Each structure stands twice: as structure tokens, then as C-alpha cells.
Amino acid sequence: ILTSAFFFYFFLRKKSKVELSGKLGIKVVCVSDTHGSHEDIKVPDGDILIHAGDFTHFGKKDHVSALNEWLGKLPHKHKIVVNGNHEKNS
């Protein structure tokens, strides 16, 4: 996951300069193990959001759809979702 995050950092840095609080940089936010409770957490603003797996209990399609809908409401420009062991059926 970190390798991917660093790749995106350097890729985006070359493509466009992002100004954050007067400093050059990209803010990466990472969450994991929400198990369907993603609506209950407060996610900080950032440029990239990574959900590092286990966003469902058992990989059911309606849980994946709910996560996708929630992600669409978040302000992060780039979103990366990684399947965890609970998503083996999705």
C-alpha cells in the first residue's frame, strides 16, 4: 500500500503542483477495517483517500454499493480502495 501511495504522490507531484496551507505537498488519508460502519467515522480532508481493506463484513454486494456511495460524498480528489480478507466474495 505504501508503495502505491508513494507512486501516486510522485505521479501527482509531477502532473500538478498542489498548494496546501502555503506548502507544497499532498495529504494522504488512510482508513481501514470499517466493516460497514464507514458512515460513523469522521474522515479528515485530504487529496488522496485510501481505504486499506475490510470495508464489509462478508463481501456482500449491497455493502460494497454502500461504500461506493459514501466515497462519492467525500471531498478527496483521488480515492483508492483495496480489498481486505472480508471482501473475498466481492
PDB file of N, CA and C in Angstrom:
ATOM      1  N   ILE A   1       0.838  -1.189   0.000  1.00  0.00           N
ATOM      2  CA  ILE A   1       0.000   0.000   0.000  1.00  0.00           C
ATOM      3  C   ILE A   1       0.876   1.242   0.000  1.00  0.00           C
ATOM      4  N   LEU A   2       1.909   1.259   0.815  1.00  0.00           N
ATOM      5  CA  LEU A   2       2.779   2.431   0.846  1.00  0.00           C
ATOM      6  C   LEU A   2       3.457   2.666  -0.488  1.00  0.00           C
ATOM      7  N   THR A   3       3.845   1.587  -1.165  1.00  0.00           N
ATOM      8  CA  THR A   3       4.465   1.745  -2.475  1.00  0.00           C
ATOM      9  C   THR A   3       3.509   2.444  -3.422  1.00  0.00           C
ATOM     10  N   SER A   4       2.241   2.033  -3.411  1.00  0.00           N
ATOM     11  CA  SER A   4       1.239   2.664  -4.266  1.00  0.00           C
ATOM     12  C   SER A   4       1.047   4.124  -3.883  1.00  0.00           C
ATOM     13  N   ALA A   5       1.004   4.409  -2.593  1.00  0.00           N
ATOM     14  CA  ALA A   5       0.810   5.788  -2.139  1.00  0.00           C
ATOM     15  C   ALA A   5       1.976   6.662  -2.593  1.00  0.00           C
ATOM     16  N   PHE A   6       3.211   6.163  -2.473  1.00  0.00           N
ATOM     17  CA  PHE A   6       4.362   6.932  -2.917  1.00  0.00           C
ATOM     18  C   PHE A   6       4.336   7.137  -4.426  1.00  0.00           C
ATOM     19  N   PHE A   7       3.916   6.103  -5.163  1.00  0.00           N
ATOM     20  CA  PHE A   7       3.799   6.246  -6.613  1.00  0.00           C
ATOM     21  C   PHE A   7       2.823   7.361  -6.948  1.00  0.00           C
ATOM     22  N   PHE A   8       1.647   7.360  -6.328  1.00  0.00           N
ATOM     23  CA  PHE A   8       0.662   8.399  -6.589  1.00  0.00           C
ATOM     24  C   PHE A   8       1.193   9.768  -6.191  1.00  0.00           C
ATOM     25  N   TYR A   9       1.921   9.833  -5.087  1.00  0.00           N
ATOM     26  CA  TYR A   9       2.494  11.108  -4.648  1.00  0.00           C
ATOM     27  C   TYR A   9       3.408  11.675  -5.727  1.00  0.00           C
ATOM     28  N   PHE A  10       4.339  10.867  -6.200  1.00  0.00           N
ATOM     29  CA  PHE A  10       5.291  11.363  -7.188  1.00  0.00           C
ATOM     30  C   PHE A  10       4.626  11.599  -8.542  1.00  0.00           C
ATOM     31  N   PHE A  11       3.660  10.755  -8.895  1.00  0.00           N
ATOM     32  CA  PHE A  11       2.938  10.943 -10.147  1.00  0.00           C
ATOM     33  C   PHE A  11       2.161  12.254 -10.122  1.00  0.00           C
ATOM     34  N   LEU A  12       1.406  12.489  -9.072  1.00  0.00           N
ATOM     35  CA  LEU A  12       0.613  13.710  -8.972  1.00  0.00           C
ATOM     36  C   LEU A  12       1.492  14.939  -8.828  1.00  0.00           C
ATOM     37  N   ARG A  13       2.606  14.788  -8.133  1.00  0.00           N
ATOM     38  CA  ARG A  13       3.508  15.923  -7.937  1.00  0.00           C
ATOM     39  C   ARG A  13       4.057  16.410  -9.276  1.00  0.00           C
ATOM     40  N   LYS A  14       4.349  15.465 -10.172  1.00  0.00           N
ATOM     41  CA  LYS A  14       4.852  15.852 -11.486  1.00  0.00           C
ATOM     42  C   LYS A  14       3.752  16.457 -12.351  1.00  0.00           C
ATOM     43  N   LYS A  15       2.531  15.955 -12.220  1.00  0.00           N
ATOM     44  CA  LYS A  15       1.424  16.403 -13.058  1.00  0.00           C
ATOM     45  C   LYS A  15       0.922  17.785 -12.663  1.00  0.00           C
ATOM     46  N   SER A  16       0.821  18.041 -11.384  1.00  0.00           N
ATOM     47  CA  SER A  16       0.307  19.337 -10.951  1.00  0.00           C
ATOM     48  C   SER A  16       0.837  19.667  -9.563  1.00  0.00           C
ATOM     49  N   LYS A  17       1.161  20.902  -9.350  1.00  0.00           N
ATOM     50  CA  LYS A  17       1.620  21.347  -8.047  1.00  0.00           C
ATOM     51  C   LYS A  17       0.390  21.626  -7.194  1.00  0.00           C
ATOM     52  N   VAL A  18       0.308  20.989  -6.047  1.00  0.00           N
ATOM     53  CA  VAL A  18      -0.833  21.158  -5.159  1.00  0.00           C
ATOM     54  C   VAL A  18      -0.399  22.038  -4.000  1.00  0.00           C
ATOM     55  N   GLU A  19      -1.074  23.121  -3.790  1.00  0.00           N
ATOM     56  CA  GLU A  19      -0.732  24.052  -2.720  1.00  0.00           C
ATOM     57  C   GLU A  19      -1.622  23.756  -1.514  1.00  0.00           C
ATOM     58  N   LEU A  20      -1.007  23.406  -0.418  1.00  0.00           N
ATOM     59  CA  LEU A  20      -1.735  23.101   0.809  1.00  0.00           C
ATOM     60  C   LEU A  20      -1.187  23.962   1.933  1.00  0.00           C
ATOM     61  N   SER A  21      -1.998  24.812   2.479  1.00  0.00           N
ATOM     62  CA  SER A  21      -1.615  25.652   3.610  1.00  0.00           C
ATOM     63  C   SER A  21      -0.276  26.359   3.376  1.00  0.00           C
ATOM     64  N   GLY A  22      -0.053  26.825   2.175  1.00  0.00           N
ATOM     65  CA  GLY A  22       1.175  27.538   1.875  1.00  0.00           C
ATOM     66  C   GLY A  22       2.372  26.634   1.638  1.00  0.00           C
ATOM     67  N   LYS A  23       2.195  25.325   1.696  1.00  0.00           N
ATOM     68  CA  LYS A  23       3.289  24.387   1.488  1.00  0.00           C
ATOM     69  C   LYS A  23       2.971  23.492   0.300  1.00  0.00           C
ATOM     70  N   LEU A  24       4.000  23.082  -0.390  1.00  0.00           N
ATOM     71  CA  LEU A  24       3.843  22.139  -1.481  1.00  0.00           C
ATOM     72  C   LEU A  24       3.716  20.747  -0.880  1.00  0.00           C
ATOM     73  N   GLY A  25       2.692  20.018  -1.268  1.00  0.00           N
ATOM     74  CA  GLY A  25       2.545  18.669  -0.750  1.00  0.00           C
ATOM     75  C   GLY A  25       1.200  18.075  -1.080  1.00  0.00           C
ATOM     76  N   ILE A  26       1.060  16.830  -0.737  1.00  0.00           N
ATOM     77  CA  ILE A  26      -0.184  16.097  -0.924  1.00  0.00           C
ATOM     78  C   ILE A  26      -0.532  15.449   0.405  1.00  0.00           C
ATOM     79  N   LYS A  27      -1.778  15.595   0.823  1.00  0.00           N
ATOM     80  CA  LYS A  27      -2.223  14.994   2.078  1.00  0.00           C
ATOM     81  C   LYS A  27      -2.932  13.679   1.767  1.00  0.00           C
ATOM     82  N   VAL A  28      -2.389  12.585   2.304  1.00  0.00           N
ATOM     83  CA  VAL A  28      -2.948  11.251   2.119  1.00  0.00           C
ATOM     84  C   VAL A  28      -3.641  10.835   3.408  1.00  0.00           C
ATOM     85  N   VAL A  29      -4.890  10.393   3.281  1.00  0.00           N
ATOM     86  CA  VAL A  29      -5.673   9.925   4.421  1.00  0.00           C
ATOM     87  C   VAL A  29      -5.912   8.435   4.217  1.00  0.00           C
ATOM     88  N   CYS A  30      -5.662   7.638   5.251  1.00  0.00           N
ATOM     89  CA  CYS A  30      -5.829   6.187   5.148  1.00  0.00           C
ATOM     90  C   CYS A  30      -6.761   5.696   6.247  1.00  0.00           C
ATOM     91  N   VAL A  31      -7.755   4.888   5.867  1.00  0.00           N
ATOM     92  CA  VAL A  31      -8.652   4.242   6.825  1.00  0.00           C
ATOM     93  C   VAL A  31      -8.701   2.758   6.483  1.00  0.00           C
ATOM     94  N   SER A  32      -9.127   1.959   7.438  1.00  0.00           N
ATOM     95  CA  SER A  32      -9.296   0.524   7.186  1.00  0.00           C
ATOM     96  C   SER A  32     -10.227  -0.062   8.241  1.00  0.00           C
ATOM     97  N   ASP A  33     -10.626  -1.295   7.990  1.00  0.00           N
ATOM     98  CA  ASP A  33     -11.403  -2.083   8.951  1.00  0.00           C
ATOM     99  C   ASP A  33     -12.668  -1.363   9.423  1.00  0.00           C
ATOM    100  N   THR A  34     -13.385  -0.750   8.492  1.00  0.00           N
ATOM    101  CA  THR A  34     -14.629  -0.075   8.868  1.00  0.00           C
ATOM    102  C   THR A  34     -15.798  -1.051   8.968  1.00  0.00           C
ATOM    103  N   HIS A  35     -15.724  -2.198   8.303  1.00  0.00           N
ATOM    104  CA  HIS A  35     -16.729  -3.272   8.404  1.00  0.00           C
ATOM    105  C   HIS A  35     -18.161  -2.755   8.342  1.00  0.00           C
ATOM    106  N   GLY A  36     -18.444  -1.915   7.351  1.00  0.00           N
ATOM    107  CA  GLY A  36     -19.793  -1.415   7.160  1.00  0.00           C
ATOM    108  C   GLY A  36     -20.141  -0.197   7.994  1.00  0.00           C
ATOM    109  N   SER A  37     -19.251   0.238   8.858  1.00  0.00           N
ATOM    110  CA  SER A  37     -19.512   1.391   9.726  1.00  0.00           C
ATOM    111  C   SER A  37     -18.839   2.656   9.216  1.00  0.00           C
ATOM    112  N   HIS A  38     -18.557   2.711   7.924  1.00  0.00           N
ATOM    113  CA  HIS A  38     -17.847   3.857   7.352  1.00  0.00           C
ATOM    114  C   HIS A  38     -18.597   5.171   7.560  1.00  0.00           C
ATOM    115  N   GLU A  39     -19.925   5.125   7.585  1.00  0.00           N
ATOM    116  CA  GLU A  39     -20.721   6.354   7.782  1.00  0.00           C
ATOM    117  C   GLU A  39     -20.499   6.950   9.178  1.00  0.00           C
ATOM    118  N   ASP A  40     -20.020   6.150  10.114  1.00  0.00           N
ATOM    119  CA  ASP A  40     -19.865   6.588  11.502  1.00  0.00           C
ATOM    120  C   ASP A  40     -18.522   7.242  11.803  1.00  0.00           C
ATOM    121  N   ILE A  41     -17.585   7.194  10.868  1.00  0.00           N
ATOM    122  CA  ILE A  41     -16.268   7.759  11.163  1.00  0.00           C
ATOM    123  C   ILE A  41     -16.121   9.145  10.541  1.00  0.00           C
ATOM    124  N   LYS A  42     -15.323   9.958  11.190  1.00  0.00           N
ATOM    125  CA  LYS A  42     -15.016  11.293  10.670  1.00  0.00           C
ATOM    126  C   LYS A  42     -13.703  11.187   9.908  1.00  0.00           C
ATOM    127  N   VAL A  43     -13.777  11.425   8.613  1.00  0.00           N
ATOM    128  CA  VAL A  43     -12.606  11.310   7.749  1.00  0.00           C
ATOM    129  C   VAL A  43     -12.032  12.702   7.512  1.00  0.00           C
ATOM    130  N   PRO A  44     -10.769  12.909   7.838  1.00  0.00           N
ATOM    131  CA  PRO A  44     -10.154  14.224   7.594  1.00  0.00           C
ATOM    132  C   PRO A  44     -10.098  14.542   6.099  1.00  0.00           C
ATOM    133  N   ASP A  45     -10.124  15.817   5.758  1.00  0.00           N
ATOM    134  CA  ASP A  45      -9.945  16.222   4.370  1.00  0.00           C
ATOM    135  C   ASP A  45      -8.542  15.857   3.915  1.00  0.00           C
ATOM    136  N   GLY A  46      -8.398  15.666   2.633  1.00  0.00           N
ATOM    137  CA  GLY A  46      -7.095  15.370   2.062  1.00  0.00           C
ATOM    138  C   GLY A  46      -7.188  15.315   0.560  1.00  0.00           C
ATOM    139  N   ASP A  47      -6.082  15.032  -0.077  1.00  0.00           N
ATOM    140  CA  ASP A  47      -6.047  14.926  -1.528  1.00  0.00           C
ATOM    141  C   ASP A  47      -6.322  13.502  -1.993  1.00  0.00           C
ATOM    142  N   ILE A  48      -5.808  12.545  -1.239  1.00  0.00           N
ATOM    143  CA  ILE A  48      -5.963  11.134  -1.581  1.00  0.00           C
ATOM    144  C   ILE A  48      -6.526  10.404  -0.367  1.00  0.00           C
ATOM    145  N   LEU A  49      -7.566   9.593  -0.598  1.00  0.00           N
ATOM    146  CA  LEU A  49      -8.120   8.733   0.451  1.00  0.00           C
ATOM    147  C   LEU A  49      -7.832   7.292   0.065  1.00  0.00           C
ATOM    148  N   ILE A  50      -7.252   6.552   0.987  1.00  0.00           N
ATOM    149  CA  ILE A  50      -7.009   5.125   0.782  1.00  0.00           C
ATOM    150  C   ILE A  50      -7.830   4.368   1.817  1.00  0.00           C
ATOM    151  N   HIS A  51      -8.696   3.463   1.345  1.00  0.00           N
ATOM    152  CA  HIS A  51      -9.358   2.540   2.274  1.00  0.00           C
ATOM    153  C   HIS A  51      -8.611   1.232   2.120  1.00  0.00           C
ATOM    154  N   ALA A  52      -7.900   0.840   3.171  1.00  0.00           N
ATOM    155  CA  ALA A  52      -6.967  -0.285   3.109  1.00  0.00           C
ATOM    156  C   ALA A  52      -7.607  -1.621   3.460  1.00  0.00           C
ATOM    157  N   GLY A  53      -8.876  -1.793   3.150  1.00  0.00           N
ATOM    158  CA  GLY A  53      -9.498  -3.105   3.268  1.00  0.00           C
ATOM    159  C   GLY A  53     -10.419  -3.292   4.448  1.00  0.00           C
ATOM    160  N   ASP A  54     -11.176  -4.388   4.353  1.00  0.00           N
ATOM    161  CA  ASP A  54     -12.180  -4.781   5.346  1.00  0.00           C
ATOM    162  C   ASP A  54     -13.238  -3.697   5.522  1.00  0.00           C
ATOM    163  N   PHE A  55     -13.830  -3.294   4.402  1.00  0.00           N
ATOM    164  CA  PHE A  55     -14.909  -2.308   4.444  1.00  0.00           C
ATOM    165  C   PHE A  55     -16.272  -2.973   4.533  1.00  0.00           C
ATOM    166  N   THR A  56     -16.332  -4.316   4.413  1.00  0.00           N
ATOM    167  CA  THR A  56     -17.583  -5.058   4.586  1.00  0.00           C
ATOM    168  C   THR A  56     -17.382  -6.109   5.670  1.00  0.00           C
ATOM    169  N   HIS A  57     -18.494  -6.783   6.010  1.00  0.00           N
ATOM    170  CA  HIS A  57     -18.378  -7.929   6.922  1.00  0.00           C
ATOM    171  C   HIS A  57     -18.083  -9.198   6.123  1.00  0.00           C
ATOM    172  N   PHE A  58     -18.843  -9.395   5.034  1.00  0.00           N
ATOM    173  CA  PHE A  58     -18.737 -10.649   4.285  1.00  0.00           C
ATOM    174  C   PHE A  58     -18.694 -10.446   2.776  1.00  0.00           C
ATOM    175  N   GLY A  59     -18.377  -9.252   2.318  1.00  0.00           N
ATOM    176  CA  GLY A  59     -18.246  -9.006   0.886  1.00  0.00           C
ATOM    177  C   GLY A  59     -19.548  -8.950   0.120  1.00  0.00           C
ATOM    178  N   LYS A  60     -20.643  -8.648   0.793  1.00  0.00           N
ATOM    179  CA  LYS A  60     -21.943  -8.598   0.112  1.00  0.00           C
ATOM    180  C   LYS A  60     -22.026  -7.373  -0.795  1.00  0.00           C
ATOM    181  N   LYS A  61     -22.720  -7.558  -1.926  1.00  0.00           N
ATOM    182  CA  LYS A  61     -22.802  -6.513  -2.947  1.00  0.00           C
ATOM    183  C   LYS A  61     -23.415  -5.221  -2.394  1.00  0.00           C
ATOM    184  N   ASP A  62     -24.452  -5.315  -1.569  1.00  0.00           N
ATOM    185  CA  ASP A  62     -25.075  -4.093  -1.046  1.00  0.00           C
ATOM    186  C   ASP A  62     -24.135  -3.328  -0.120  1.00  0.00           C
ATOM    187  N   HIS A  63     -23.225  -4.027   0.570  1.00  0.00           N
ATOM    188  CA  HIS A  63     -22.229  -3.357   1.417  1.00  0.00           C
ATOM    189  C   HIS A  63     -21.202  -2.617   0.557  1.00  0.00           C
ATOM    190  N   VAL A  64     -20.826  -3.235  -0.557  1.00  0.00           N
ATOM    191  CA  VAL A  64     -19.874  -2.600  -1.473  1.00  0.00           C
ATOM    192  C   VAL A  64     -20.528  -1.369  -2.110  1.00  0.00           C
ATOM    193  N   SER A  65     -21.793  -1.497  -2.482  1.00  0.00           N
ATOM    194  CA  SER A  65     -22.523  -0.359  -3.062  1.00  0.00           C
ATOM    195  C   SER A  65     -22.639   0.784  -2.069  1.00  0.00           C
ATOM    196  N   ALA A  66     -22.888   0.460  -0.799  1.00  0.00           N
ATOM    197  CA  ALA A  66     -22.985   1.493   0.241  1.00  0.00           C
ATOM    198  C   ALA A  66     -21.648   2.219   0.409  1.00  0.00           C
ATOM    199  N   LEU A  67     -20.545   1.471   0.379  1.00  0.00           N
ATOM    200  CA  LEU A  67     -19.226   2.099   0.478  1.00  0.00           C
ATOM    201  C   LEU A  67     -18.989   3.019  -0.717  1.00  0.00           C
ATOM    202  N   ASN A  68     -19.339   2.559  -1.906  1.00  0.00           N
ATOM    203  CA  ASN A  68     -19.144   3.361  -3.110  1.00  0.00           C
ATOM    204  C   ASN A  68     -19.943   4.665  -3.038  1.00  0.00           C
ATOM    205  N   GLU A  69     -21.165   4.586  -2.571  1.00  0.00           N
ATOM    206  CA  GLU A  69     -21.996   5.784  -2.420  1.00  0.00           C
ATOM    207  C   GLU A  69     -21.370   6.756  -1.419  1.00  0.00           C
ATOM    208  N   TRP A  70     -20.887   6.224  -0.297  1.00  0.00           N
ATOM    209  CA  TRP A  70     -20.233   7.041   0.739  1.00  0.00           C
ATOM    210  C   TRP A  70     -18.982   7.711   0.190  1.00  0.00           C
ATOM    211  N   LEU A  71     -18.170   6.950  -0.553  1.00  0.00           N
ATOM    212  CA  LEU A  71     -16.950   7.513  -1.144  1.00  0.00           C
ATOM    213  C   LEU A  71     -17.275   8.676  -2.071  1.00  0.00           C
ATOM    214  N   GLY A  72     -18.380   8.565  -2.798  1.00  0.00           N
ATOM    215  CA  GLY A  72     -18.781   9.620  -3.719  1.00  0.00           C
ATOM    216  C   GLY A  72     -19.116  10.931  -3.030  1.00  0.00           C
ATOM    217  N   LYS A  73     -19.434  10.880  -1.757  1.00  0.00           N
ATOM    218  CA  LYS A  73     -19.777  12.076  -0.987  1.00  0.00           C
ATOM    219  C   LYS A  73     -18.548  12.758  -0.377  1.00  0.00           C
ATOM    220  N   LEU A  74     -17.428  12.078  -0.357  1.00  0.00           N
ATOM    221  CA  LEU A  74     -16.222  12.615   0.275  1.00  0.00           C
ATOM    222  C   LEU A  74     -15.482  13.551  -0.683  1.00  0.00           C
ATOM    223  N   PRO A  75     -14.800  14.566  -0.137  1.00  0.00           N
ATOM    224  CA  PRO A  75     -14.185  15.598  -0.971  1.00  0.00           C
ATOM    225  C   PRO A  75     -12.837  15.231  -1.597  1.00  0.00           C
ATOM    226  N   HIS A  76     -12.269  14.097  -1.255  1.00  0.00           N
ATOM    227  CA  HIS A  76     -10.938  13.724  -1.736  1.00  0.00           C
ATOM    228  C   HIS A  76     -10.958  13.554  -3.258  1.00  0.00           C
ATOM    229  N   LYS A  77      -9.971  14.154  -3.913  1.00  0.00           N
ATOM    230  CA  LYS A  77      -9.916  14.115  -5.373  1.00  0.00           C
ATOM    231  C   LYS A  77      -9.628  12.710  -5.892  1.00  0.00           C
ATOM    232  N   HIS A  78      -8.785  11.976  -5.184  1.00  0.00           N
ATOM    233  CA  HIS A  78      -8.411  10.622  -5.591  1.00  0.00           C
ATOM    234  C   HIS A  78      -8.753   9.662  -4.461  1.00  0.00           C
ATOM    235  N   LYS A  79      -9.343   8.515  -4.834  1.00  0.00           N
ATOM    236  CA  LYS A  79      -9.726   7.504  -3.844  1.00  0.00           C
ATOM    237  C   LYS A  79      -9.224   6.149  -4.307  1.00  0.00           C
ATOM    238  N   ILE A  80      -8.587   5.446  -3.392  1.00  0.00           N
ATOM    239  CA  ILE A  80      -8.050   4.115  -3.672  1.00  0.00           C
ATOM    240  C   ILE A  80      -8.678   3.157  -2.674  1.00  0.00           C
ATOM    241  N   VAL A  81      -9.238   2.061  -3.185  1.00  0.00           N
ATOM    242  CA  VAL A  81      -9.852   1.065  -2.309  1.00  0.00           C
ATOM    243  C   VAL A  81      -9.141  -0.271  -2.550  1.00  0.00           C
ATOM    244  N   VAL A  82      -8.698  -0.877  -1.462  1.00  0.00           N
ATOM    245  CA  VAL A  82      -8.000  -2.153  -1.508  1.00  0.00           C
ATOM    246  C   VAL A  82      -8.881  -3.204  -0.835  1.00  0.00           C
ATOM    247  N   ASN A  83      -9.094  -4.324  -1.502  1.00  0.00           N
ATOM    248  CA  ASN A  83      -9.876  -5.398  -0.882  1.00  0.00           C
ATOM    249  C   ASN A  83      -9.117  -5.995   0.293  1.00  0.00           C
ATOM    250  N   GLY A  84      -9.846  -6.293   1.352  1.00  0.00           N
ATOM    251  CA  GLY A  84      -9.287  -6.993   2.501  1.00  0.00           C
ATOM    252  C   GLY A  84      -9.780  -8.430   2.495  1.00  0.00           C
ATOM    253  N   ASN A  85      -9.451  -9.191   3.510  1.00  0.00           N
ATOM    254  CA  ASN A  85      -9.885 -10.583   3.557  1.00  0.00           C
ATOM    255  C   ASN A  85     -11.405 -10.710   3.698  1.00  0.00           C
ATOM    256  N   HIS A  86     -12.088  -9.680   4.183  1.00  0.00           N
ATOM    257  CA  HIS A  86     -13.551  -9.747   4.301  1.00  0.00           C
ATOM    258  C   HIS A  86     -14.238  -9.492   2.956  1.00  0.00           C
ATOM    259  N   GLU A  87     -13.518  -8.995   1.976  1.00  0.00           N
ATOM    260  CA  GLU A  87     -14.098  -8.746   0.666  1.00  0.00           C
ATOM    261  C   GLU A  87     -13.816  -9.869  -0.333  1.00  0.00           C
ATOM    262  N   LYS A  88     -13.420 -11.024   0.138  1.00  0.00           N
ATOM    263  CA  LYS A  88     -13.050 -12.103  -0.774  1.00  0.00           C
ATOM    264  C   LYS A  88     -14.196 -12.534  -1.679  1.00  0.00           C
ATOM    265  N   ASN A  89     -15.435 -12.248  -1.288  1.00  0.00           N
ATOM    266  CA  ASN A  89     -16.600 -12.625  -2.119  1.00  0.00           C
ATOM    267  C   ASN A  89     -17.023 -11.529  -3.068  1.00  0.00           C
ATOM    268  N   SER A  90     -16.454 -10.313  -2.924  1.00  0.00           N
ATOM    269  CA  SER A  90     -16.942  -9.194  -3.749  1.00  0.00           C
ATOM    270  C   SER A  90     -16.290  -9.154  -5.108  1.00  0.00           C
TER     271      SER A  90
END
